Amino acid sequence: MKAGWTSLGDIASARCQGADPWAGGTWRFADVQADAVRASSTPTPTPTPTPTPTPAADTAPAAATAAGAGGAKPARRRRGRMVPALLAVAVASGAAGGLVADRFDESEGSTDTMTVIGADPTGLERRPPESVAGVAASVLPSVVSVEVNDAAGSGFVIAEDGYILTNNHVVSAADDGTVGLTLFDGRRFEAEVVGSSPSYDVAVLRIDADNLTPVVFGDSGSVAVGDPVVAIGSPLGLDATVTSGIVSALERPVTAGGPASQSYINALQTDAAINPGNSGGPLVDSAGRVIGVNSAIASLGAGGTAGSIGLGFAIPIEQVRRTAEQLISDGEAVYPIMGVLLDNGYGGPGAQVADDGENGPGVTPGGPADDVGIRSGDVIVEIDGERVRSPAELIVRLRAHQPGDDVTLTVQRDDEVLEFTVTLDAAVG
């Protein structure tokens, strides 16, 4: 069975073309409404798998020490041999460590006063800033919950003067333009949609609020496979949910949404648990810097259950930032085009330029591709030296650029292999 791809929300889907393991997938957005969560004050219990017992690494050495190397119990335990057992119980028991120490002290018949290491409750609240708990503590105040027509999504603060970033597909369902927003501190607002880009699945909201904490942007271009990441959002309407994992792949071509609002993402792939409702929330690195916006998840086949199976996808923050800046300054965003219509029915490797037909010319007259001599029927097999496996993948690679950039295309034309340098034009969307 081929994998299906669920883009985190309105259950619209699109087919990825091409003869590759990712072809034929369906992507859904992660903003599926959480009616099942909100419909009843008594939620239906979810079966919990039986956990596999794990050996207690900390307590085993303590038990061995107490028993003695030869297994025979000494007539009287010396205080020095009690320390490992005492420390293990104190760490595991937290604030109860002092009580455990008193009990051991009484068993010795001693009235000595002991200082218990690890029994300081305030110490348990401190976490290294690079730990998952430390990252969560620093980023959670910037994360918001977004509600549109009883559907849940996520977002995060990007500026102190009220700008919020989320996915286009999270807010596109707002029939009357009303978008509800709840901050981490519980304050609720109606947000204004400043602008949105279906092509990049990015939207910017604004609220009139003070005491906002913006996120810190990271560098998605420096991310490596295996880097630890944390995802924060409101899956299934459960706000302030934190999950963790690693970056499991880079530059994964993802096509999400329906024909009216299809987005093409050159995505960061992660195994951090991402579920419907995580859409628009941040994916952050181990320093708490945002490296991506969670946007799509994989599901098991068309019509399969939407949920975390360890394959989530985030829009790289460099692309998000460029698009957000355009939306804030101009109210609209642009994306690069090469001026061709691709044949989605082509089944071979690469992306074929369509023939002229009812959908328009295969090559736009006077466009970038026409200017360099690309023709209908040409099959684009590489872009900038990287293999192209499908029309969707070519578009994703192009959308990773900006208007005005030059790209090198390798084209198969009958028995010839040709190379063209194309300067990309711009379109609004």
Protein backbone atom coordinates (compact mmCIF):
# COMPACT_ATOMS: atom_id res chain seq x y z
CA MET A 1 0.00 0.00 0.00
CA LYS A 2 1.43 3.43 -0.90
CA ALA A 3 1.64 6.02 1.79
CA GLY A 4 -1.02 8.71 1.87
CA TRP A 5 -0.24 12.23 2.92
CA THR A 6 -2.56 14.20 5.12
CA SER A 7 -2.20 17.95 5.10
CA LEU A 8 -3.19 19.00 8.63
CA GLY A 9 -6.85 20.27 7.96
CA ASP A 10 -9.75 20.56 5.55
CA ILE A 11 -9.41 17.00 4.16
CA ALA A 12 -8.74 18.34 0.65
CA SER A 13 -6.19 16.23 -1.25
CA ALA A 14 -4.00 16.28 -4.30
CA ARG A 15 -2.05 13.56 -6.11
CA CYS A 16 1.71 13.64 -6.39
CA GLN A 17 2.74 12.58 -9.90
CA GLY A 18 5.78 10.61 -11.01
CA ALA A 19 7.32 7.19 -10.79
CA ASP A 20 8.76 7.40 -7.32
CA PRO A 21 7.93 5.97 -3.88
CA TRP A 22 6.12 9.20 -2.94
CA ALA A 23 3.88 9.27 -6.00
CA GLY A 24 0.14 8.83 -5.64
CA GLY A 25 0.08 10.19 -2.10
CA THR A 26 -2.61 12.35 -0.56
CA TRP A 27 -1.70 15.17 1.80
CA ARG A 28 -4.05 16.71 4.35
CA PHE A 29 -3.70 19.82 6.45
CA ALA A 30 -3.47 19.56 10.24
CA ASP A 31 -6.39 21.67 11.32
CA VAL A 32 -9.17 19.04 11.42
CA GLN A 33 -11.87 20.19 13.81
CA ALA A 34 -11.90 18.65 17.24
CA ASP A 35 -15.66 18.24 17.60
CA ALA A 36 -15.15 14.83 19.19
CA VAL A 37 -13.08 16.44 21.90
CA ARG A 38 -15.50 19.29 22.53
CA ALA A 39 -18.83 17.52 21.98
CA SER A 40 -19.07 15.89 25.39
CA SER A 41 -17.89 16.73 28.87
CA THR A 42 -17.17 13.01 29.32
CA PRO A 43 -14.63 12.06 26.65
CA THR A 44 -14.54 8.53 25.32
CA PRO A 45 -11.59 6.67 26.83
CA THR A 46 -8.81 5.82 24.42
CA PRO A 47 -7.39 2.30 24.76
CA THR A 48 -3.90 2.47 26.18
CA PRO A 49 -1.34 -0.09 25.04
CA THR A 50 0.23 -2.17 27.77
CA PRO A 51 3.66 -0.72 28.49
CA THR A 52 6.70 -2.92 28.20
CA PRO A 53 8.51 -3.15 31.56
CA THR A 54 11.87 -1.43 31.54
CA PRO A 55 14.68 -2.50 33.91
CA ALA A 56 15.26 0.08 36.63
CA ALA A 57 18.82 1.06 35.87
CA ASP A 58 19.19 3.32 38.90
CA THR A 59 17.83 0.88 41.49
CA ALA A 60 19.61 -2.30 40.35
CA PRO A 61 23.12 -1.24 41.39
CA ALA A 62 21.75 -0.03 44.74
CA ALA A 63 20.12 -3.41 45.41
CA ALA A 64 23.30 -5.24 44.44
CA THR A 65 25.33 -3.07 46.78
CA ALA A 66 22.94 -3.66 49.66
CA ALA A 67 23.09 -7.43 49.13
CA GLY A 68 26.89 -7.54 48.95
CA ALA A 69 29.15 -8.84 46.19
CA GLY A 70 28.76 -12.46 47.25
CA GLY A 71 25.00 -12.30 47.70
CA ALA A 72 25.19 -13.05 51.46
CA LYS A 73 23.59 -10.42 53.68
CA PRO A 74 26.00 -9.08 56.33
CA ALA A 75 24.92 -9.12 59.94
CA ARG A 76 25.10 -5.37 60.22
CA ARG A 77 25.05 -2.92 57.32
CA ARG A 78 27.68 -0.23 57.46
CA ARG A 79 26.58 3.33 56.81
CA GLY A 80 29.01 3.70 53.88
CA ARG A 81 27.33 0.83 52.03
CA MET A 82 23.94 2.47 52.49
CA VAL A 83 24.75 5.59 50.47
CA PRO A 84 24.09 4.24 46.94
CA ALA A 85 20.69 2.88 47.94
CA LEU A 86 19.82 6.08 49.75
CA LEU A 87 20.73 8.29 46.81
CA ALA A 88 18.76 6.13 44.35
CA VAL A 89 15.60 6.29 46.44
CA ALA A 90 15.97 10.02 47.09
CA VAL A 91 16.28 10.87 43.41
CA ALA A 92 13.35 8.66 42.45
CA SER A 93 11.15 9.86 45.29
CA GLY A 94 11.85 13.58 45.06
CA ALA A 95 10.49 15.42 48.10
CA ALA A 96 10.00 12.13 49.97
CA GLY A 97 13.76 11.63 50.14
CA GLY A 98 13.98 13.10 53.64
CA LEU A 99 11.42 10.64 55.00
CA VAL A 100 13.29 7.71 53.50
CA ALA A 101 16.53 8.91 55.09
CA ASP A 102 14.94 9.17 58.54
CA ARG A 103 13.67 5.61 58.24
CA PHE A 104 17.12 4.26 57.38
CA ASP A 105 18.62 6.27 60.21
CA GLU A 106 16.19 4.76 62.72
CA SER A 107 17.03 1.25 61.51
CA GLU A 108 20.62 1.92 62.53
CA GLY A 109 19.51 2.99 66.00
CA SER A 110 21.36 6.29 65.51
CA THR A 111 20.29 9.84 66.32
CA ASP A 112 22.75 11.43 63.88
CA THR A 113 21.43 14.24 61.69
CA MET A 114 21.78 13.52 57.93
CA THR A 115 21.66 15.86 54.95
CA VAL A 116 19.83 14.20 52.05
CA ILE A 117 21.15 14.91 48.58
CA GLY A 118 18.38 15.31 45.97
CA ALA A 119 15.61 16.17 48.42
CA ASP A 120 15.33 19.84 47.37
CA PRO A 121 11.89 20.23 45.67
CA THR A 122 12.85 23.57 44.11
CA GLY A 123 15.78 21.91 42.36
CA LEU A 124 13.39 19.64 40.50
CA GLU A 125 11.87 22.68 38.76
CA ARG A 126 15.14 23.72 37.12
CA ARG A 127 15.85 22.32 33.66
CA PRO A 128 18.74 22.99 31.27
CA PRO A 129 17.62 25.49 28.58
CA GLU A 130 18.55 23.03 25.81
CA SER A 131 16.36 20.25 27.25
CA VAL A 132 12.86 19.66 25.88
CA ALA A 133 11.44 21.11 29.11
CA GLY A 134 13.70 24.15 28.82
CA VAL A 135 12.79 24.72 25.17
CA ALA A 136 9.08 24.34 25.94
CA ALA A 137 9.27 26.85 28.78
CA SER A 138 10.89 29.44 26.51
CA VAL A 139 8.61 28.99 23.47
CA LEU A 140 5.17 28.20 24.94
CA PRO A 141 4.39 31.85 25.87
CA SER A 142 4.65 32.73 22.15
CA VAL A 143 2.32 29.97 20.86
CA VAL A 144 -1.40 30.60 20.30
CA SER A 145 -4.49 28.55 19.51
CA VAL A 146 -6.51 29.53 16.44
CA GLU A 147 -10.22 28.75 15.98
CA VAL A 148 -12.17 29.10 12.72
CA ASN A 149 -15.69 27.69 12.39
CA ASP A 150 -15.10 25.30 15.33
CA ALA A 151 -11.91 23.98 13.72
CA ALA A 152 -8.66 24.14 15.67
CA GLY A 153 -5.26 25.29 14.50
CA SER A 154 -2.12 26.86 15.89
CA GLY A 155 0.06 29.91 15.42
CA PHE A 156 2.82 31.93 17.06
CA VAL A 157 3.71 35.54 17.81
CA ILE A 158 6.31 37.05 15.47
CA ALA A 159 6.23 40.70 16.61
CA GLU A 160 5.48 42.58 19.80
CA ASP A 161 2.93 44.79 18.02
CA GLY A 162 0.50 41.90 17.52
CA TYR A 163 1.50 40.00 14.38
CA ILE A 164 0.77 36.26 14.48
CA LEU A 165 1.92 33.67 11.94
CA THR A 166 -0.09 30.59 10.96
CA ASN A 167 -1.01 28.49 7.89
CA ASN A 168 -3.24 29.78 5.11
CA HIS A 169 -5.35 26.62 5.27
CA VAL A 170 -6.05 27.28 8.97
CA VAL A 171 -7.75 30.63 8.26
CA SER A 172 -9.06 30.09 4.71
CA ALA A 173 -12.23 28.44 6.04
CA ALA A 174 -13.33 31.64 7.85
CA ASP A 175 -16.69 32.27 6.16
CA ASP A 176 -17.13 35.80 7.53
CA GLY A 177 -13.46 36.53 8.07
CA THR A 178 -13.74 35.90 11.81
CA VAL A 179 -10.70 34.20 13.33
CA GLY A 180 -10.65 33.49 17.05
CA LEU A 181 -7.35 33.43 18.84
CA THR A 182 -6.32 32.45 22.38
CA LEU A 183 -2.97 33.39 23.86
CA PHE A 184 -0.96 31.16 26.18
CA ASP A 185 -2.00 33.33 29.14
CA GLY A 186 -5.68 32.69 28.37
CA ARG A 187 -6.59 36.02 26.76
CA ARG A 188 -8.96 35.70 23.80
CA PHE A 189 -9.13 37.94 20.71
CA GLU A 190 -10.72 38.25 17.30
CA ALA A 191 -7.84 38.47 14.86
CA GLU A 192 -7.59 40.41 11.61
CA VAL A 193 -6.25 38.52 8.59
CA VAL A 194 -3.46 40.77 7.31
CA GLY A 195 -2.80 38.59 4.26
CA SER A 196 -2.36 35.02 3.12
CA SER A 197 -0.51 33.00 0.50
CA PRO A 198 -2.14 29.77 -0.71
CA SER A 199 0.96 28.93 -2.74
CA TYR A 200 3.18 28.81 0.35
CA ASP A 201 0.40 28.01 2.87
CA VAL A 202 1.31 31.02 5.01
CA ALA A 203 -1.00 33.57 6.64
CA VAL A 204 -0.39 36.54 8.93
CA LEU A 205 -2.91 37.66 11.58
CA ARG A 206 -2.91 40.71 13.82
CA ILE A 207 -4.43 41.40 17.21
CA ASP A 208 -4.56 44.49 19.42
CA ALA A 209 -2.74 43.23 22.47
CA ASP A 210 0.18 44.07 24.73
CA ASN A 211 2.75 42.05 26.67
CA LEU A 212 3.32 39.70 23.73
CA THR A 213 6.40 37.50 23.53
CA PRO A 214 7.65 36.97 19.96
CA VAL A 215 9.58 33.87 18.94
CA VAL A 216 13.20 33.85 17.85
CA PHE A 217 13.79 32.77 14.25
CA GLY A 218 16.41 30.15 13.53
CA ASP A 219 18.12 29.09 10.32
CA SER A 220 16.42 26.19 8.55
CA GLY A 221 19.24 26.15 6.00
CA SER A 222 21.69 24.94 8.64
CA VAL A 223 19.50 22.09 9.90
CA ALA A 224 20.85 18.55 9.53
CA VAL A 225 19.10 15.20 9.54
CA GLY A 226 19.13 13.91 13.10
CA ASP A 227 18.95 17.32 14.78
CA PRO A 228 16.55 17.33 17.76
CA VAL A 229 13.35 19.35 17.34
CA VAL A 230 10.26 20.25 19.36
CA ALA A 231 6.76 20.83 17.94
CA ILE A 232 4.27 22.98 19.87
CA GLY A 233 0.60 23.60 19.08
CA SER A 234 -3.01 22.61 19.67
CA PRO A 235 -3.52 19.11 18.22
CA LEU A 236 -7.18 18.07 18.40
CA GLY A 237 -7.88 21.31 20.28
CA LEU A 238 -5.51 20.42 23.13
CA ASP A 239 -3.65 23.70 23.48
CA ALA A 240 -0.03 24.07 24.63
CA THR A 241 0.87 20.51 23.61
CA VAL A 242 4.60 19.77 23.30
CA THR A 243 6.10 16.85 21.37
CA SER A 244 9.69 16.12 20.44
CA GLY A 245 11.70 14.17 17.88
CA ILE A 246 14.35 14.72 15.24
CA VAL A 247 14.62 16.08 11.72
CA SER A 248 14.20 12.90 9.68
CA ALA A 249 14.68 14.31 6.14
CA LEU A 250 15.36 17.56 4.32
CA GLU A 251 13.85 19.09 1.19
CA ARG A 252 10.97 16.64 1.05
CA PRO A 253 8.63 17.70 -1.80
CA VAL A 254 5.08 17.96 -0.42
CA THR A 255 1.96 19.04 -2.29
CA ALA A 256 -1.06 19.81 -0.11
CA GLY A 257 -4.57 21.19 -0.44
CA GLY A 258 -7.16 21.24 -3.19
CA PRO A 259 -7.04 22.79 -6.68
CA ALA A 260 -8.29 26.16 -5.39
CA SER A 261 -5.62 26.49 -2.69
CA GLN A 262 -2.82 24.09 -3.50
CA SER A 263 0.51 24.66 -1.80
CA TYR A 264 3.92 23.31 -2.69
CA ILE A 265 6.35 22.82 0.19
CA ASN A 266 10.05 22.01 0.11
CA ALA A 267 9.57 20.59 3.57
CA LEU A 268 11.53 19.68 6.67
CA GLN A 269 10.41 16.17 7.65
CA THR A 270 10.19 15.25 11.34
CA ASP A 271 9.14 12.31 13.49
CA ALA A 272 7.92 14.62 16.29
CA ALA A 273 4.25 13.76 16.85
CA ILE A 274 2.13 16.14 14.75
CA ASN A 275 -1.65 15.77 14.57
CA PRO A 276 -4.66 17.67 13.21
CA GLY A 277 -4.63 21.04 14.96
CA ASN A 278 -0.82 21.39 14.95
CA SER A 279 -1.05 23.33 11.67
CA GLY A 280 0.53 26.76 11.95
CA GLY A 281 2.48 25.93 15.09
CA PRO A 282 6.25 26.21 15.35
CA LEU A 283 8.87 23.52 14.88
CA VAL A 284 11.86 24.66 16.96
CA ASP A 285 15.45 23.55 17.41
CA SER A 286 17.23 22.67 20.65
CA ALA A 287 17.88 26.36 21.33
CA GLY A 288 14.18 27.23 21.07
CA ARG A 289 14.55 28.96 17.69
CA VAL A 290 11.80 28.45 15.09
CA ILE A 291 13.08 26.55 12.04
CA GLY A 292 9.72 25.69 10.44
CA VAL A 293 5.94 25.95 10.49
CA ASN A 294 4.14 22.61 10.92
CA SER A 295 1.82 22.18 7.96
CA ALA A 296 1.27 18.59 6.81
CA ILE A 297 1.24 15.02 8.08
CA ALA A 298 1.20 11.60 6.46
CA SER A 299 -1.66 9.11 6.76
CA LEU A 300 -1.98 5.47 5.82
CA GLY A 301 -3.48 5.66 2.34
CA ALA A 302 -6.28 7.72 0.80
CA GLY A 303 -9.11 8.06 3.28
CA GLY A 304 -6.88 6.71 6.04
CA THR A 305 -7.03 7.96 9.59
CA ALA A 306 -5.33 11.33 10.01
CA GLY A 307 -2.90 11.12 12.87
CA SER A 308 0.74 10.97 13.81
CA ILE A 309 2.64 8.06 12.29
CA GLY A 310 6.01 9.72 12.65
CA LEU A 311 5.90 11.63 9.35
CA GLY A 312 5.22 15.33 9.74
CA PHE A 313 6.25 18.20 7.47
CA ALA A 314 7.13 21.82 8.17
CA ILE A 315 7.65 24.80 5.87
CA PRO A 316 11.24 26.03 6.25
CA ILE A 317 11.31 29.29 8.20
CA GLU A 318 13.39 31.12 5.56
CA GLN A 319 10.55 30.78 3.07
CA VAL A 320 7.94 31.59 5.71
CA ARG A 321 9.78 34.72 6.78
CA ARG A 322 10.07 36.08 3.22
CA THR A 323 6.39 35.45 2.58
CA ALA A 324 5.31 36.94 5.92
CA GLU A 325 7.30 40.12 5.26
CA GLN A 326 5.56 40.50 1.90
CA LEU A 327 2.13 39.96 3.45
CA ILE A 328 2.78 42.53 6.17
CA SER A 329 4.17 45.18 3.82
CA ASP A 330 1.96 44.61 0.75
CA GLY A 331 -0.98 42.46 1.89
CA GLU A 332 -0.05 39.87 -0.72
CA ALA A 333 2.83 37.57 -1.59
CA VAL A 334 4.50 36.58 -4.85
CA TYR A 335 5.98 33.29 -6.00
CA PRO A 336 8.32 32.44 -8.90
CA ILE A 337 7.12 31.05 -12.23
CA MET A 338 8.86 29.88 -15.41
CA GLY A 339 5.87 30.29 -17.73
CA VAL A 340 4.95 26.72 -18.66
CA LEU A 341 1.95 24.45 -18.16
CA LEU A 342 2.95 20.95 -16.99
CA ASP A 343 1.21 17.75 -18.09
CA ASN A 344 -0.01 15.99 -14.92
CA GLY A 345 -0.92 12.94 -16.98
CA TYR A 346 2.67 12.28 -18.00
CA GLY A 347 3.84 9.02 -16.42
CA GLY A 348 7.54 9.02 -17.13
CA PRO A 349 10.41 10.44 -15.10
CA GLY A 350 10.65 14.20 -15.04
CA ALA A 351 8.03 16.84 -15.82
CA GLN A 352 6.69 17.27 -19.34
CA VAL A 353 5.64 20.62 -20.76
CA ALA A 354 2.01 20.29 -21.89
CA ASP A 355 0.75 20.77 -25.42
CA ASP A 356 -1.44 23.74 -26.22
CA GLY A 357 -5.04 22.99 -25.28
CA GLU A 358 -8.20 24.11 -23.53
CA ASN A 359 -6.19 25.01 -20.41
CA GLY A 360 -4.02 27.39 -22.41
CA PRO A 361 -0.67 27.24 -24.17
CA GLY A 362 1.96 24.83 -22.94
CA VAL A 363 4.55 27.61 -23.03
CA THR A 364 3.41 31.13 -22.13
CA PRO A 365 4.25 33.47 -25.03
CA GLY A 366 6.87 35.98 -23.94
CA GLY A 367 7.41 34.16 -20.63
CA PRO A 368 10.77 33.07 -19.18
CA ALA A 369 10.68 29.58 -20.73
CA ASP A 370 9.61 30.92 -24.12
CA ASP A 371 12.42 33.45 -24.08
CA VAL A 372 15.09 30.72 -23.86
CA GLY A 373 13.50 28.30 -26.35
CA ILE A 374 11.71 25.67 -24.25
CA ARG A 375 8.89 24.00 -26.20
CA SER A 376 5.73 21.97 -25.62
CA GLY A 377 6.61 18.28 -25.25
CA ASP A 378 10.01 18.97 -23.66
CA VAL A 379 10.65 16.86 -20.57
CA ILE A 380 12.47 18.64 -17.74
CA VAL A 381 14.64 16.02 -16.04
CA GLU A 382 16.87 18.16 -13.80
CA ILE A 383 16.83 21.55 -12.09
CA ASP A 384 20.17 22.96 -10.94
CA GLY A 385 21.71 19.51 -11.33
CA GLU A 386 19.11 17.73 -9.17
CA ARG A 387 16.89 15.04 -10.63
CA VAL A 388 13.21 15.85 -11.18
CA ARG A 389 10.84 12.92 -10.65
CA SER A 390 7.41 14.51 -11.11
CA PRO A 391 5.64 17.77 -12.03
CA ALA A 392 4.91 18.43 -8.35
CA GLU A 393 8.58 18.04 -7.44
CA LEU A 394 9.61 20.52 -10.14
CA ILE A 395 7.14 23.11 -8.83
CA VAL A 396 8.36 22.58 -5.25
CA ARG A 397 11.96 23.11 -6.35
CA LEU A 398 10.99 26.27 -8.23
CA ARG A 399 9.00 27.64 -5.27
CA ALA A 400 12.10 27.36 -3.10
CA HIS A 401 13.52 30.22 -5.21
CA GLN A 402 12.52 33.86 -5.52
CA PRO A 403 11.36 35.81 -8.57
CA GLY A 404 14.42 37.05 -10.45
CA ASP A 405 16.54 34.00 -9.59
CA ASP A 406 18.23 32.06 -12.39
CA VAL A 407 17.71 28.29 -12.54
CA THR A 408 19.39 25.78 -14.85
CA LEU A 409 17.06 23.24 -16.47
CA THR A 410 18.16 20.04 -18.18
CA VAL A 411 15.63 19.08 -20.86
CA GLN A 412 15.09 15.88 -22.83
CA ARG A 413 13.80 16.68 -26.35
CA ASP A 414 13.38 13.57 -28.47
CA ASP A 415 16.94 12.15 -28.59
CA GLU A 416 18.63 15.37 -27.49
CA VAL A 417 19.61 16.55 -24.01
CA LEU A 418 19.55 20.34 -23.78
CA GLU A 419 20.35 22.82 -21.03
CA PHE A 420 18.63 26.17 -20.47
CA THR A 421 19.15 28.97 -17.95
CA VAL A 422 15.80 30.53 -17.04
CA THR A 423 15.24 33.77 -15.12
CA LEU A 424 12.10 33.28 -13.06
CA ASP A 425 9.19 35.70 -13.29
CA ALA A 426 6.65 36.48 -10.51
CA ALA A 427 2.98 35.77 -9.90
CA VAL A 428 0.75 36.78 -6.98
CA GLY A 429 -0.75 34.12 -4.69
